[in-house]
Full PDB file with SEQRES, HELIX, SHEET, SSBOND, CRYST1, ORIGX, SCALE, CONECT and MASTER records, all heavy atoms in Angstrom:
SEQRES   1 A   34  VAL LYS LEU GLY ALA ALA SER LEU GLY SER ASP ASP PRO          
SEQRES   2 A   34  GLU THR GLN VAL VAL LEU ILE ASN ALA ILE LYS ASP VAL          
SEQRES   3 A   34  ALA LYS ALA LEU SER ASP LEU ILE                              
HELIX    1 AA1 LYS A    2  SER A    7  1                                   6    
HELIX    2 AA2 PRO A   13  LEU A   33  1                                  21    
CRYST1    1.000    1.000    1.000  90.00  90.00  90.00 P 1           1          
ORIGX1      1.000000  0.000000  0.000000        0.00000                         
ORIGX2      0.000000  1.000000  0.000000        0.00000                         
ORIGX3      0.000000  0.000000  1.000000        0.00000                         
SCALE1      1.000000  0.000000  0.000000        0.00000                         
SCALE2      0.000000  1.000000  0.000000        0.00000                         
SCALE3      0.000000  0.000000  1.000000        0.00000                         
ATOM      1  N   VAL A   1       1.923  -2.861   6.290  1.00  0.00           N  
ATOM      2  CA  VAL A   1       0.876  -2.595   5.301  1.00  0.00           C  
ATOM      3  C   VAL A   1       0.834  -3.725   4.266  1.00  0.00           C  
ATOM      4  O   VAL A   1      -0.238  -4.181   3.868  1.00  0.00           O  
ATOM      5  CB  VAL A   1       1.093  -1.221   4.609  1.00  0.00           C  
ATOM      6  CG1 VAL A   1       0.158  -1.070   3.408  1.00  0.00           C  
ATOM      7  CG2 VAL A   1       0.838  -0.084   5.593  1.00  0.00           C  
ATOM      8  N   LYS A   2       2.015  -4.203   3.848  1.00  0.00           N  
ATOM      9  CA  LYS A   2       2.066  -5.321   2.884  1.00  0.00           C  
ATOM     10  C   LYS A   2       1.449  -6.589   3.487  1.00  0.00           C  
ATOM     11  O   LYS A   2       0.738  -7.327   2.798  1.00  0.00           O  
ATOM     12  CB  LYS A   2       3.508  -5.583   2.459  1.00  0.00           C  
ATOM     13  CG  LYS A   2       4.014  -4.599   1.405  1.00  0.00           C  
ATOM     14  CD  LYS A   2       5.291  -5.056   0.733  1.00  0.00           C  
ATOM     15  CE  LYS A   2       6.499  -4.803   1.574  1.00  0.00           C  
ATOM     16  NZ  LYS A   2       7.762  -5.104   0.878  1.00  0.00           N  
ATOM     17  N   LEU A   3       1.709  -6.822   4.782  1.00  0.00           N  
ATOM     18  CA  LEU A   3       1.098  -7.976   5.461  1.00  0.00           C  
ATOM     19  C   LEU A   3      -0.423  -7.809   5.518  1.00  0.00           C  
ATOM     20  O   LEU A   3      -1.171  -8.768   5.328  1.00  0.00           O  
ATOM     21  CB  LEU A   3       1.667  -8.118   6.878  1.00  0.00           C  
ATOM     22  CG  LEU A   3       3.109  -8.636   6.982  1.00  0.00           C  
ATOM     23  CD1 LEU A   3       3.632  -8.492   8.408  1.00  0.00           C  
ATOM     24  CD2 LEU A   3       3.186 -10.088   6.537  1.00  0.00           C  
ATOM     25  N   GLY A   4      -0.861  -6.575   5.776  1.00  0.00           N  
ATOM     26  CA  GLY A   4      -2.297  -6.287   5.808  1.00  0.00           C  
ATOM     27  C   GLY A   4      -2.932  -6.524   4.445  1.00  0.00           C  
ATOM     28  O   GLY A   4      -4.019  -7.099   4.345  1.00  0.00           O  
ATOM     29  N   ALA A   5      -2.239  -6.108   3.384  1.00  0.00           N  
ATOM     30  CA  ALA A   5      -2.748  -6.306   2.023  1.00  0.00           C  
ATOM     31  C   ALA A   5      -2.817  -7.799   1.687  1.00  0.00           C  
ATOM     32  O   ALA A   5      -3.793  -8.268   1.097  1.00  0.00           O  
ATOM     33  CB  ALA A   5      -1.848  -5.583   1.017  1.00  0.00           C  
ATOM     34  N   ALA A   6      -1.784  -8.532   2.099  1.00  0.00           N  
ATOM     35  CA  ALA A   6      -1.748  -9.977   1.835  1.00  0.00           C  
ATOM     36  C   ALA A   6      -2.881 -10.703   2.556  1.00  0.00           C  
ATOM     37  O   ALA A   6      -3.431 -11.686   2.044  1.00  0.00           O  
ATOM     38  CB  ALA A   6      -0.404 -10.550   2.270  1.00  0.00           C  
ATOM     39  N   SER A   7      -3.254 -10.192   3.729  1.00  0.00           N  
ATOM     40  CA  SER A   7      -4.305 -10.839   4.520  1.00  0.00           C  
ATOM     41  C   SER A   7      -5.683 -10.724   3.870  1.00  0.00           C  
ATOM     42  O   SER A   7      -6.609 -11.448   4.221  1.00  0.00           O  
ATOM     43  CB  SER A   7      -4.353 -10.246   5.933  1.00  0.00           C  
ATOM     44  OG  SER A   7      -4.880  -8.934   5.902  1.00  0.00           O  
ATOM     45  N   LEU A   8      -5.828  -9.808   2.909  1.00  0.00           N  
ATOM     46  CA  LEU A   8      -7.109  -9.650   2.210  1.00  0.00           C  
ATOM     47  C   LEU A   8      -7.392 -10.827   1.290  1.00  0.00           C  
ATOM     48  O   LEU A   8      -8.532 -11.088   0.928  1.00  0.00           O  
ATOM     49  CB  LEU A   8      -7.107  -8.351   1.383  1.00  0.00           C  
ATOM     50  CG  LEU A   8      -7.107  -7.036   2.161  1.00  0.00           C  
ATOM     51  CD1 LEU A   8      -6.867  -5.880   1.205  1.00  0.00           C  
ATOM     52  CD2 LEU A   8      -8.417  -6.844   2.905  1.00  0.00           C  
ATOM     53  N   GLY A   9      -6.321 -11.511   0.885  1.00  0.00           N  
ATOM     54  CA  GLY A   9      -6.486 -12.652  -0.019  1.00  0.00           C  
ATOM     55  C   GLY A   9      -6.384 -12.225  -1.473  1.00  0.00           C  
ATOM     56  O   GLY A   9      -6.637 -11.069  -1.822  1.00  0.00           O  
ATOM     57  N   SER A  10      -6.027 -13.161  -2.317  1.00  0.00           N  
ATOM     58  CA  SER A  10      -5.789 -12.866  -3.730  1.00  0.00           C  
ATOM     59  C   SER A  10      -7.071 -12.631  -4.523  1.00  0.00           C  
ATOM     60  O   SER A  10      -7.022 -12.250  -5.695  1.00  0.00           O  
ATOM     61  CB  SER A  10      -5.002 -14.007  -4.376  1.00  0.00           C  
ATOM     62  OG  SER A  10      -5.701 -15.226  -4.220  1.00  0.00           O  
ATOM     63  N   ASP A  11      -8.235 -12.839  -3.906  1.00  0.00           N  
ATOM     64  CA  ASP A  11      -9.498 -12.633  -4.627  1.00  0.00           C  
ATOM     65  C   ASP A  11      -9.922 -11.162  -4.638  1.00  0.00           C  
ATOM     66  O   ASP A  11     -10.944 -10.809  -5.216  1.00  0.00           O  
ATOM     67  CB  ASP A  11     -10.614 -13.504  -4.018  1.00  0.00           C  
ATOM     68  CG  ASP A  11     -10.848 -13.203  -2.553  1.00  0.00           C  
ATOM     69  OD1 ASP A  11      -9.891 -12.741  -1.892  1.00  0.00           O  
ATOM     70  OD2 ASP A  11     -11.979 -13.430  -2.068  1.00  0.00           O  
ATOM     71  N   ASP A  12      -9.133 -10.298  -3.983  1.00  0.00           N  
ATOM     72  CA  ASP A  12      -9.470  -8.873  -3.970  1.00  0.00           C  
ATOM     73  C   ASP A  12      -8.214  -8.041  -4.297  1.00  0.00           C  
ATOM     74  O   ASP A  12      -7.760  -7.232  -3.490  1.00  0.00           O  
ATOM     75  CB  ASP A  12     -10.022  -8.479  -2.593  1.00  0.00           C  
ATOM     76  CG  ASP A  12     -10.684  -7.116  -2.609  1.00  0.00           C  
ATOM     77  OD1 ASP A  12     -10.759  -6.501  -3.698  1.00  0.00           O  
ATOM     78  OD2 ASP A  12     -11.099  -6.640  -1.539  1.00  0.00           O  
ATOM     79  N   PRO A  13      -7.651  -8.226  -5.507  1.00  0.00           N  
ATOM     80  CA  PRO A  13      -6.396  -7.557  -5.853  1.00  0.00           C  
ATOM     81  C   PRO A  13      -6.496  -6.039  -5.927  1.00  0.00           C  
ATOM     82  O   PRO A  13      -5.543  -5.330  -5.612  1.00  0.00           O  
ATOM     83  CB  PRO A  13      -6.043  -8.152  -7.222  1.00  0.00           C  
ATOM     84  CG  PRO A  13      -7.340  -8.626  -7.782  1.00  0.00           C  
ATOM     85  CD  PRO A  13      -8.146  -9.068  -6.605  1.00  0.00           C  
ATOM     86  N   GLU A  14      -7.676  -5.511  -6.348  1.00  0.00           N  
ATOM     87  CA  GLU A  14      -7.814  -4.057  -6.486  1.00  0.00           C  
ATOM     88  C   GLU A  14      -7.702  -3.353  -5.133  1.00  0.00           C  
ATOM     89  O   GLU A  14      -7.100  -2.284  -5.024  1.00  0.00           O  
ATOM     90  CB  GLU A  14      -9.149  -3.699  -7.164  1.00  0.00           C  
ATOM     91  CG  GLU A  14      -9.243  -4.096  -8.638  1.00  0.00           C  
ATOM     92  CD  GLU A  14      -8.368  -3.246  -9.556  1.00  0.00           C  
ATOM     93  OE1 GLU A  14      -7.715  -2.298  -9.075  1.00  0.00           O  
ATOM     94  OE2 GLU A  14      -8.320  -3.550 -10.757  1.00  0.00           O  
ATOM     95  N   THR A  15      -8.272  -3.957  -4.081  1.00  0.00           N  
ATOM     96  CA  THR A  15      -8.165  -3.369  -2.743  1.00  0.00           C  
ATOM     97  C   THR A  15      -6.733  -3.469  -2.229  1.00  0.00           C  
ATOM     98  O   THR A  15      -6.238  -2.576  -1.532  1.00  0.00           O  
ATOM     99  CB  THR A  15      -9.144  -4.055  -1.769  1.00  0.00           C  
ATOM    100  OG1 THR A  15     -10.473  -3.939  -2.291  1.00  0.00           O  
ATOM    101  CG2 THR A  15      -9.117  -3.381  -0.397  1.00  0.00           C  
ATOM    102  N   GLN A  16      -6.060  -4.558  -2.585  1.00  0.00           N  
ATOM    103  CA  GLN A  16      -4.642  -4.692  -2.224  1.00  0.00           C  
ATOM    104  C   GLN A  16      -3.834  -3.556  -2.855  1.00  0.00           C  
ATOM    105  O   GLN A  16      -2.964  -2.964  -2.210  1.00  0.00           O  
ATOM    106  CB  GLN A  16      -4.103  -6.048  -2.707  1.00  0.00           C  
ATOM    107  CG  GLN A  16      -4.619  -7.237  -1.899  1.00  0.00           C  
ATOM    108  CD  GLN A  16      -4.072  -8.560  -2.422  1.00  0.00           C  
ATOM    109  OE1 GLN A  16      -3.883  -8.736  -3.622  1.00  0.00           O  
ATOM    110  NE2 GLN A  16      -3.807  -9.482  -1.510  1.00  0.00           N  
ATOM    111  N   VAL A  17      -4.152  -3.242  -4.102  1.00  0.00           N  
ATOM    112  CA  VAL A  17      -3.462  -2.151  -4.810  1.00  0.00           C  
ATOM    113  C   VAL A  17      -3.715  -0.820  -4.119  1.00  0.00           C  
ATOM    114  O   VAL A  17      -2.808   0.011  -3.994  1.00  0.00           O  
ATOM    115  CB  VAL A  17      -3.910  -2.090  -6.295  1.00  0.00           C  
ATOM    116  CG1 VAL A  17      -3.383  -0.826  -6.972  1.00  0.00           C  
ATOM    117  CG2 VAL A  17      -3.419  -3.316  -7.050  1.00  0.00           C  
ATOM    118  N   VAL A  18      -4.942  -0.608  -3.646  1.00  0.00           N  
ATOM    119  CA  VAL A  18      -5.288   0.634  -2.932  1.00  0.00           C  
ATOM    120  C   VAL A  18      -4.393   0.806  -1.704  1.00  0.00           C  
ATOM    121  O   VAL A  18      -3.858   1.892  -1.440  1.00  0.00           O  
ATOM    122  CB  VAL A  18      -6.776   0.641  -2.518  1.00  0.00           C  
ATOM    123  CG1 VAL A  18      -7.083   1.805  -1.577  1.00  0.00           C  
ATOM    124  CG2 VAL A  18      -7.676   0.728  -3.742  1.00  0.00           C  
ATOM    125  N   LEU A  19      -4.216  -0.278  -0.945  1.00  0.00           N  
ATOM    126  CA  LEU A  19      -3.364  -0.229   0.249  1.00  0.00           C  
ATOM    127  C   LEU A  19      -1.900   0.033  -0.105  1.00  0.00           C  
ATOM    128  O   LEU A  19      -1.239   0.860   0.529  1.00  0.00           O  
ATOM    129  CB  LEU A  19      -3.473  -1.552   1.018  1.00  0.00           C  
ATOM    130  CG  LEU A  19      -4.558  -1.646   2.097  1.00  0.00           C  
ATOM    131  CD1 LEU A  19      -4.591  -3.054   2.670  1.00  0.00           C  
ATOM    132  CD2 LEU A  19      -4.340  -0.631   3.201  1.00  0.00           C  
ATOM    133  N   ILE A  20      -1.413  -0.670  -1.116  1.00  0.00           N  
ATOM    134  CA  ILE A  20      -0.014  -0.503  -1.537  1.00  0.00           C  
ATOM    135  C   ILE A  20       0.220   0.917  -2.051  1.00  0.00           C  
ATOM    136  O   ILE A  20       1.245   1.548  -1.767  1.00  0.00           O  
ATOM    137  CB  ILE A  20       0.377  -1.540  -2.616  1.00  0.00           C  
ATOM    138  CG1 ILE A  20       0.268  -2.967  -2.062  1.00  0.00           C  
ATOM    139  CG2 ILE A  20       1.780  -1.274  -3.138  1.00  0.00           C  
ATOM    140  CD1 ILE A  20       1.125  -3.251  -0.844  1.00  0.00           C  
ATOM    141  N   ASN A  21      -0.747   1.454  -2.804  1.00  0.00           N  
ATOM    142  CA  ASN A  21      -0.630   2.831  -3.292  1.00  0.00           C  
ATOM    143  C   ASN A  21      -0.553   3.825  -2.133  1.00  0.00           C  
ATOM    144  O   ASN A  21       0.182   4.810  -2.186  1.00  0.00           O  
ATOM    145  CB  ASN A  21      -1.809   3.194  -4.197  1.00  0.00           C  
ATOM    146  CG  ASN A  21      -1.666   2.621  -5.594  1.00  0.00           C  
ATOM    147  OD1 ASN A  21      -0.566   2.301  -6.028  1.00  0.00           O  
ATOM    148  ND2 ASN A  21      -2.766   2.497  -6.300  1.00  0.00           N  
ATOM    149  N   ALA A  22      -1.334   3.558  -1.082  1.00  0.00           N  
ATOM    150  CA  ALA A  22      -1.366   4.453   0.076  1.00  0.00           C  
ATOM    151  C   ALA A  22      -0.005   4.523   0.757  1.00  0.00           C  
ATOM    152  O   ALA A  22       0.462   5.606   1.131  1.00  0.00           O  
ATOM    153  CB  ALA A  22      -2.440   3.994   1.058  1.00  0.00           C  
ATOM    154  N   ILE A  23       0.661   3.389   0.902  1.00  0.00           N  
ATOM    155  CA  ILE A  23       1.982   3.392   1.552  1.00  0.00           C  
ATOM    156  C   ILE A  23       3.033   3.987   0.613  1.00  0.00           C  
ATOM    157  O   ILE A  23       3.986   4.653   1.057  1.00  0.00           O  
ATOM    158  CB  ILE A  23       2.388   1.976   2.044  1.00  0.00           C  
ATOM    159  CG1 ILE A  23       3.675   2.047   2.888  1.00  0.00           C  
ATOM    160  CG2 ILE A  23       2.574   1.008   0.923  1.00  0.00           C  
ATOM    161  CD1 ILE A  23       3.586   2.854   4.146  1.00  0.00           C  
ATOM    162  N   LYS A  24       2.855   3.798  -0.708  1.00  0.00           N  
ATOM    163  CA  LYS A  24       3.782   4.412  -1.672  1.00  0.00           C  
ATOM    164  C   LYS A  24       3.704   5.934  -1.584  1.00  0.00           C  
ATOM    165  O   LYS A  24       4.727   6.623  -1.668  1.00  0.00           O  
ATOM    166  CB  LYS A  24       3.443   3.951  -3.094  1.00  0.00           C  
ATOM    167  CG  LYS A  24       4.002   2.566  -3.442  1.00  0.00           C  
ATOM    168  CD  LYS A  24       3.423   2.014  -4.720  1.00  0.00           C  
ATOM    169  CE  LYS A  24       3.782   2.799  -5.942  1.00  0.00           C  
ATOM    170  NZ  LYS A  24       3.195   2.182  -7.177  1.00  0.00           N  
ATOM    171  N   ASP A  25       2.489   6.453  -1.406  1.00  0.00           N  
ATOM    172  CA  ASP A  25       2.314   7.908  -1.273  1.00  0.00           C  
ATOM    173  C   ASP A  25       3.026   8.442  -0.032  1.00  0.00           C  
ATOM    174  O   ASP A  25       3.648   9.504  -0.062  1.00  0.00           O  
ATOM    175  CB  ASP A  25       0.820   8.262  -1.191  1.00  0.00           C  
ATOM    176  CG  ASP A  25       0.096   8.030  -2.505  1.00  0.00           C  
ATOM    177  OD1 ASP A  25       0.779   7.837  -3.532  1.00  0.00           O  
ATOM    178  OD2 ASP A  25      -1.148   8.036  -2.501  1.00  0.00           O  
ATOM    179  N   VAL A  26       2.926   7.695   1.060  1.00  0.00           N  
ATOM    180  CA  VAL A  26       3.588   8.102   2.304  1.00  0.00           C  
ATOM    181  C   VAL A  26       5.106   8.083   2.116  1.00  0.00           C  
ATOM    182  O   VAL A  26       5.809   9.020   2.529  1.00  0.00           O  
ATOM    183  CB  VAL A  26       3.179   7.188   3.487  1.00  0.00           C  
ATOM    184  CG1 VAL A  26       3.995   7.516   4.734  1.00  0.00           C  
ATOM    185  CG2 VAL A  26       1.691   7.343   3.789  1.00  0.00           C  
ATOM    186  N   ALA A  27       5.615   7.040   1.479  1.00  0.00           N  
ATOM    187  CA  ALA A  27       7.060   6.924   1.257  1.00  0.00           C  
ATOM    188  C   ALA A  27       7.582   8.056   0.372  1.00  0.00           C  
ATOM    189  O   ALA A  27       8.642   8.638   0.640  1.00  0.00           O  
ATOM    190  CB  ALA A  27       7.383   5.571   0.629  1.00  0.00           C  
ATOM    191  N   LYS A  28       6.832   8.389  -0.672  1.00  0.00           N  
ATOM    192  CA  LYS A  28       7.229   9.488  -1.573  1.00  0.00           C  
ATOM    193  C   LYS A  28       7.213  10.822  -0.820  1.00  0.00           C  
ATOM    194  O   LYS A  28       8.118  11.647  -0.972  1.00  0.00           O  
ATOM    195  CB  LYS A  28       6.283   9.548  -2.773  1.00  0.00           C  
ATOM    196  CG  LYS A  28       6.648  10.625  -3.790  1.00  0.00           C  
ATOM    197  CD  LYS A  28       5.722  10.574  -4.989  1.00  0.00           C  
ATOM    198  CE  LYS A  28       6.069  11.633  -6.029  1.00  0.00           C  
ATOM    199  NZ  LYS A  28       5.854  13.006  -5.553  1.00  0.00           N  
ATOM    200  N   ALA A  29       6.181  11.019   0.001  1.00  0.00           N  
ATOM    201  CA  ALA A  29       6.079  12.257   0.775  1.00  0.00           C  
ATOM    202  C   ALA A  29       7.238  12.376   1.763  1.00  0.00           C  
ATOM    203  O   ALA A  29       7.770  13.466   1.984  1.00  0.00           O  
ATOM    204  CB  ALA A  29       4.741  12.306   1.514  1.00  0.00           C  
ATOM    205  N   LEU A  30       7.633  11.249   2.345  1.00  0.00           N  
ATOM    206  CA  LEU A  30       8.764  11.255   3.286  1.00  0.00           C  
ATOM    207  C   LEU A  30      10.058  11.609   2.562  1.00  0.00           C  
ATOM    208  O   LEU A  30      10.866  12.400   3.067  1.00  0.00           O  
ATOM    209  CB  LEU A  30       8.905   9.897   3.968  1.00  0.00           C  
ATOM    210  CG  LEU A  30      10.092   9.759   4.941  1.00  0.00           C  
ATOM    211  CD1 LEU A  30       9.994  10.786   6.069  1.00  0.00           C  
ATOM    212  CD2 LEU A  30      10.174   8.352   5.514  1.00  0.00           C  
ATOM    213  N   SER A  31      10.249  11.050   1.380  1.00  0.00           N  
ATOM    214  CA  SER A  31      11.447  11.358   0.585  1.00  0.00           C  
ATOM    215  C   SER A  31      11.510  12.851   0.259  1.00  0.00           C  
ATOM    216  O   SER A  31      12.566  13.488   0.386  1.00  0.00           O  
ATOM    217  CB  SER A  31      11.429  10.537  -0.709  1.00  0.00           C  
ATOM    218  OG  SER A  31      12.502  10.890  -1.540  1.00  0.00           O  
ATOM    219  N   ASP A  32      10.356  13.408  -0.132  1.00  0.00           N  
ATOM    220  CA  ASP A  32      10.287  14.847  -0.431  1.00  0.00           C  
ATOM    221  C   ASP A  32      10.544  15.681   0.814  1.00  0.00           C  
ATOM    222  O   ASP A  32      11.196  16.733   0.752  1.00  0.00           O  
ATOM    223  CB  ASP A  32       8.911  15.207  -1.012  1.00  0.00           C  
ATOM    224  CG  ASP A  32       8.696  14.606  -2.404  1.00  0.00           C  
ATOM    225  OD1 ASP A  32       9.693  14.206  -3.034  1.00  0.00           O  
ATOM    226  OD2 ASP A  32       7.533  14.532  -2.836  1.00  0.00           O  
ATOM    227  N   LEU A  33      10.038  15.211   1.954  1.00  0.00           N  
ATOM    228  CA  LEU A  33      10.227  15.932   3.218  1.00  0.00           C  
ATOM    229  C   LEU A  33      11.693  15.951   3.623  1.00  0.00           C  
ATOM    230  O   LEU A  33      12.216  16.985   4.055  1.00  0.00           O  
ATOM    231  CB  LEU A  33       9.379  15.294   4.323  1.00  0.00           C  
ATOM    232  CG  LEU A  33       9.547  15.882   5.733  1.00  0.00           C  
ATOM    233  CD1 LEU A  33       9.169  17.357   5.751  1.00  0.00           C  
ATOM    234  CD2 LEU A  33       8.705  15.114   6.746  1.00  0.00           C  
ATOM    235  N   ILE A  34      12.358  14.810   3.481  1.00  0.00           N  
ATOM    236  CA  ILE A  34      13.793  14.742   3.828  1.00  0.00           C  
ATOM    237  C   ILE A  34      14.601  15.684   2.933  1.00  0.00           C  
ATOM    238  O   ILE A  34      15.481  16.401   3.397  1.00  0.00           O  
ATOM    239  CB  ILE A  34      14.312  13.292   3.738  1.00  0.00           C  
ATOM    240  CG1 ILE A  34      13.701  12.448   4.866  1.00  0.00           C  
ATOM    241  CG2 ILE A  34      15.837  13.247   3.822  1.00  0.00           C  
ATOM    242  CD1 ILE A  34      14.007  10.967   4.787  1.00  0.00           C  
TER     243      ILE A  34                                                      
MASTER        0    0    0    2    0    0    0    6  242    1    0    3          
END                                                                             
């Protein structure tokens, strides 16, 4: 996901943040599930 965000280029930081937030949500949900 980080590689995918990086591929968007630095001219679209807000969309990069959207992607990073999405994976953070998954990671938090996994921690809660464990």
